[in-house]
Amino acid sequence: MGVGGVELREDFWPADAAQKFLLSKLDGSEPCPQTIWIFTCNATDRLEERFLSRTLRLEFNSYGAGTDIADLLARVWEAEANGAPCPNLRKLACGNVRESLSRLESELLAI
């Protein structure tokens, strides 16, 4: 028998009823055999402590991503800037890809 997976994203979490339903699935009183549950969110403040206590939390950060983000910004700049002088991409690479791209977009709009 294989293993299945269920991924629930953050937009699912405002529903308090969803957490209560899942408590029985996670504590084994109404199990889903051979199932891996994956819950994704940016913050856990809306999740009940009794729900969180049944999960293994993995923290992700952008430590060490600066070079990769700067490389991405360089590729975007080269494709979009029509030969304009390149700004300091290491300064624009803040560790968050979306924010870094937004900063680059502001630079591109200024040329």
C-alpha atoms as a PDB file:
ATOM      1  CA  MET A   1       0.000   0.000   0.000  1.00  0.00           C
ATOM      2  CA  GLY A   2       1.439   3.374  -1.031  1.00  0.00           C
ATOM      3  CA  VAL A   3       1.679   6.610   0.863  1.00  0.00           C
ATOM      4  CA  GLY A   4      -0.533   9.571  -0.017  1.00  0.00           C
ATOM      5  CA  GLY A   5      -0.094  13.236   0.660  1.00  0.00           C
ATOM      6  CA  VAL A   6      -2.363  16.179   1.388  1.00  0.00           C
ATOM      7  CA  GLU A   7      -1.162  19.785   1.085  1.00  0.00           C
ATOM      8  CA  LEU A   8      -3.224  22.561   2.633  1.00  0.00           C
ATOM      9  CA  ARG A   9      -2.163  26.143   1.946  1.00  0.00           C
ATOM     10  CA  GLU A  10      -2.522  29.192   4.150  1.00  0.00           C
ATOM     11  CA  ASP A  11      -5.708  30.401   2.468  1.00  0.00           C
ATOM     12  CA  PHE A  12      -7.435  27.362   3.988  1.00  0.00           C
ATOM     13  CA  TRP A  13      -6.566  28.341   7.575  1.00  0.00           C
ATOM     14  CA  PRO A  14      -9.059  31.075   8.454  1.00  0.00           C
ATOM     15  CA  ALA A  15     -11.685  28.357   8.898  1.00  0.00           C
ATOM     16  CA  ASP A  16     -11.703  27.348  12.572  1.00  0.00           C
ATOM     17  CA  ALA A  17     -13.905  24.389  11.636  1.00  0.00           C
ATOM     18  CA  ALA A  18     -11.141  23.061   9.382  1.00  0.00           C
ATOM     19  CA  GLN A  19      -8.680  22.949  12.268  1.00  0.00           C
ATOM     20  CA  LYS A  20     -11.179  21.145  14.492  1.00  0.00           C
ATOM     21  CA  PHE A  21     -11.896  18.606  11.747  1.00  0.00           C
ATOM     22  CA  LEU A  22      -8.196  17.949  11.241  1.00  0.00           C
ATOM     23  CA  LEU A  23      -7.454  17.464  14.946  1.00  0.00           C
ATOM     24  CA  SER A  24      -8.994  13.992  14.893  1.00  0.00           C
ATOM     25  CA  LYS A  25      -7.076  13.125  11.722  1.00  0.00           C
ATOM     26  CA  LEU A  26      -3.768  14.230  13.226  1.00  0.00           C
ATOM     27  CA  ASP A  27      -4.151  12.657  16.677  1.00  0.00           C
ATOM     28  CA  GLY A  28      -5.154   9.267  15.315  1.00  0.00           C
ATOM     29  CA  SER A  29      -8.741   9.066  16.584  1.00  0.00           C
ATOM     30  CA  GLU A  30      -9.984   9.162  12.948  1.00  0.00           C
ATOM     31  CA  PRO A  31      -6.769   8.490  11.061  1.00  0.00           C
ATOM     32  CA  CYS A  32      -6.069   8.632   7.362  1.00  0.00           C
ATOM     33  CA  PRO A  33      -3.680   5.674   6.989  1.00  0.00           C
ATOM     34  CA  GLN A  34      -0.482   6.133   5.035  1.00  0.00           C
ATOM     35  CA  THR A  35      -1.055   9.882   4.673  1.00  0.00           C
ATOM     36  CA  ILE A  36       1.459  12.680   4.974  1.00  0.00           C
ATOM     37  CA  TRP A  37      -0.113  16.036   5.794  1.00  0.00           C
ATOM     38  CA  ILE A  38       1.657  19.208   4.646  1.00  0.00           C
ATOM     39  CA  PHE A  39       0.393  22.541   5.950  1.00  0.00           C
ATOM     40  CA  THR A  40       1.954  25.718   4.597  1.00  0.00           C
ATOM     41  CA  CYS A  41       1.635  29.222   6.022  1.00  0.00           C
ATOM     42  CA  ASN A  42       3.616  32.392   6.613  1.00  0.00           C
ATOM     43  CA  ALA A  43       2.539  32.744  10.244  1.00  0.00           C
ATOM     44  CA  THR A  44       0.957  30.490  12.846  1.00  0.00           C
ATOM     45  CA  ASP A  45      -0.833  33.127  14.933  1.00  0.00           C
ATOM     46  CA  ARG A  46      -4.266  32.054  13.608  1.00  0.00           C
ATOM     47  CA  LEU A  47      -3.671  28.385  14.398  1.00  0.00           C
ATOM     48  CA  GLU A  48      -4.740  26.850  17.696  1.00  0.00           C
ATOM     49  CA  GLU A  49      -1.983  25.611  19.991  1.00  0.00           C
ATOM     50  CA  ARG A  50      -3.600  22.160  20.218  1.00  0.00           C
ATOM     51  CA  PHE A  51      -3.434  21.967  16.428  1.00  0.00           C
ATOM     52  CA  LEU A  52       0.193  23.112  16.334  1.00  0.00           C
ATOM     53  CA  SER A  53       1.151  20.586  19.018  1.00  0.00           C
ATOM     54  CA  ARG A  54       0.258  17.786  16.590  1.00  0.00           C
ATOM     55  CA  THR A  55       2.583  19.039  13.867  1.00  0.00           C
ATOM     56  CA  LEU A  56       6.293  19.174  13.170  1.00  0.00           C
ATOM     57  CA  ARG A  57       7.140  22.768  12.303  1.00  0.00           C
ATOM     58  CA  LEU A  58       9.889  23.521   9.821  1.00  0.00           C
ATOM     59  CA  GLU A  59      11.154  27.090   9.668  1.00  0.00           C
ATOM     60  CA  PHE A  60      12.456  28.322   6.332  1.00  0.00           C
ATOM     61  CA  ASN A  61      14.607  31.373   5.786  1.00  0.00           C
ATOM     62  CA  SER A  62      16.479  32.983   2.962  1.00  0.00           C
ATOM     63  CA  TYR A  63      19.916  32.767   4.575  1.00  0.00           C
ATOM     64  CA  GLY A  64      22.479  32.222   1.847  1.00  0.00           C
ATOM     65  CA  ALA A  65      20.095  33.020  -1.015  1.00  0.00           C
ATOM     66  CA  GLY A  66      21.544  36.485  -1.720  1.00  0.00           C
ATOM     67  CA  THR A  67      23.879  35.354  -4.484  1.00  0.00           C
ATOM     68  CA  ASP A  68      21.183  33.323  -6.242  1.00  0.00           C
ATOM     69  CA  ILE A  69      18.724  36.214  -6.004  1.00  0.00           C
ATOM     70  CA  ALA A  70      21.309  38.659  -7.368  1.00  0.00           C
ATOM     71  CA  ASP A  71      21.969  36.251 -10.257  1.00  0.00           C
ATOM     72  CA  LEU A  72      18.228  36.165 -11.011  1.00  0.00           C
ATOM     73  CA  LEU A  73      18.086  39.963 -10.914  1.00  0.00           C
ATOM     74  CA  ALA A  74      21.020  40.121 -13.334  1.00  0.00           C
ATOM     75  CA  ARG A  75      19.209  37.853 -15.803  1.00  0.00           C
ATOM     76  CA  VAL A  76      16.039  39.942 -15.563  1.00  0.00           C
ATOM     77  CA  TRP A  77      18.002  43.202 -15.926  1.00  0.00           C
ATOM     78  CA  GLU A  78      19.819  41.921 -18.989  1.00  0.00           C
ATOM     79  CA  ALA A  79      16.538  40.842 -20.592  1.00  0.00           C
ATOM     80  CA  GLU A  80      14.591  44.013 -19.778  1.00  0.00           C
ATOM     81  CA  ALA A  81      16.962  47.004 -19.476  1.00  0.00           C
ATOM     82  CA  ASN A  82      17.903  47.464 -23.152  1.00  0.00           C
ATOM     83  CA  GLY A  83      21.579  47.924 -22.335  1.00  0.00           C
ATOM     84  CA  ALA A  84      21.079  50.488 -19.535  1.00  0.00           C
ATOM     85  CA  PRO A  85      23.802  50.586 -16.852  1.00  0.00           C
ATOM     86  CA  CYS A  86      23.150  47.970 -14.205  1.00  0.00           C
ATOM     87  CA  PRO A  87      22.477  49.080 -10.601  1.00  0.00           C
ATOM     88  CA  ASN A  88      24.070  47.373  -7.597  1.00  0.00           C
ATOM     89  CA  LEU A  89      22.106  44.125  -7.702  1.00  0.00           C
ATOM     90  CA  ARG A  90      23.613  42.814  -4.467  1.00  0.00           C
ATOM     91  CA  LYS A  91      22.066  45.818  -2.724  1.00  0.00           C
ATOM     92  CA  LEU A  92      18.669  45.126  -4.329  1.00  0.00           C
ATOM     93  CA  ALA A  93      18.804  41.427  -3.353  1.00  0.00           C
ATOM     94  CA  CYS A  94      17.254  41.652   0.094  1.00  0.00           C
ATOM     95  CA  GLY A  95      16.764  37.923   0.766  1.00  0.00           C
ATOM     96  CA  ASN A  96      13.120  37.899  -0.345  1.00  0.00           C
ATOM     97  CA  VAL A  97      12.701  37.079  -4.040  1.00  0.00           C
ATOM     98  CA  ARG A  98       9.418  38.951  -4.493  1.00  0.00           C
ATOM     99  CA  GLU A  99      10.661  42.074  -2.746  1.00  0.00           C
ATOM    100  CA  SER A 100      13.947  41.937  -4.656  1.00  0.00           C
ATOM    101  CA  LEU A 101      12.099  41.709  -7.982  1.00  0.00           C
ATOM    102  CA  SER A 102       9.876  44.595  -6.926  1.00  0.00           C
ATOM    103  CA  ARG A 103      12.951  46.705  -6.170  1.00  0.00           C
ATOM    104  CA  LEU A 104      14.390  45.787  -9.564  1.00  0.00           C
ATOM    105  CA  GLU A 105      11.127  46.723 -11.242  1.00  0.00           C
ATOM    106  CA  SER A 106      11.363  50.194  -9.682  1.00  0.00           C
ATOM    107  CA  GLU A 107      14.880  50.514 -11.099  1.00  0.00           C
ATOM    108  CA  LEU A 108      13.665  49.400 -14.535  1.00  0.00           C
ATOM    109  CA  LEU A 109      10.794  51.886 -14.476  1.00  0.00           C
ATOM    110  CA  ALA A 110      13.296  54.681 -13.764  1.00  0.00           C
ATOM    111  CA  ILE A 111      15.267  54.128 -17.008  1.00  0.00           C
END
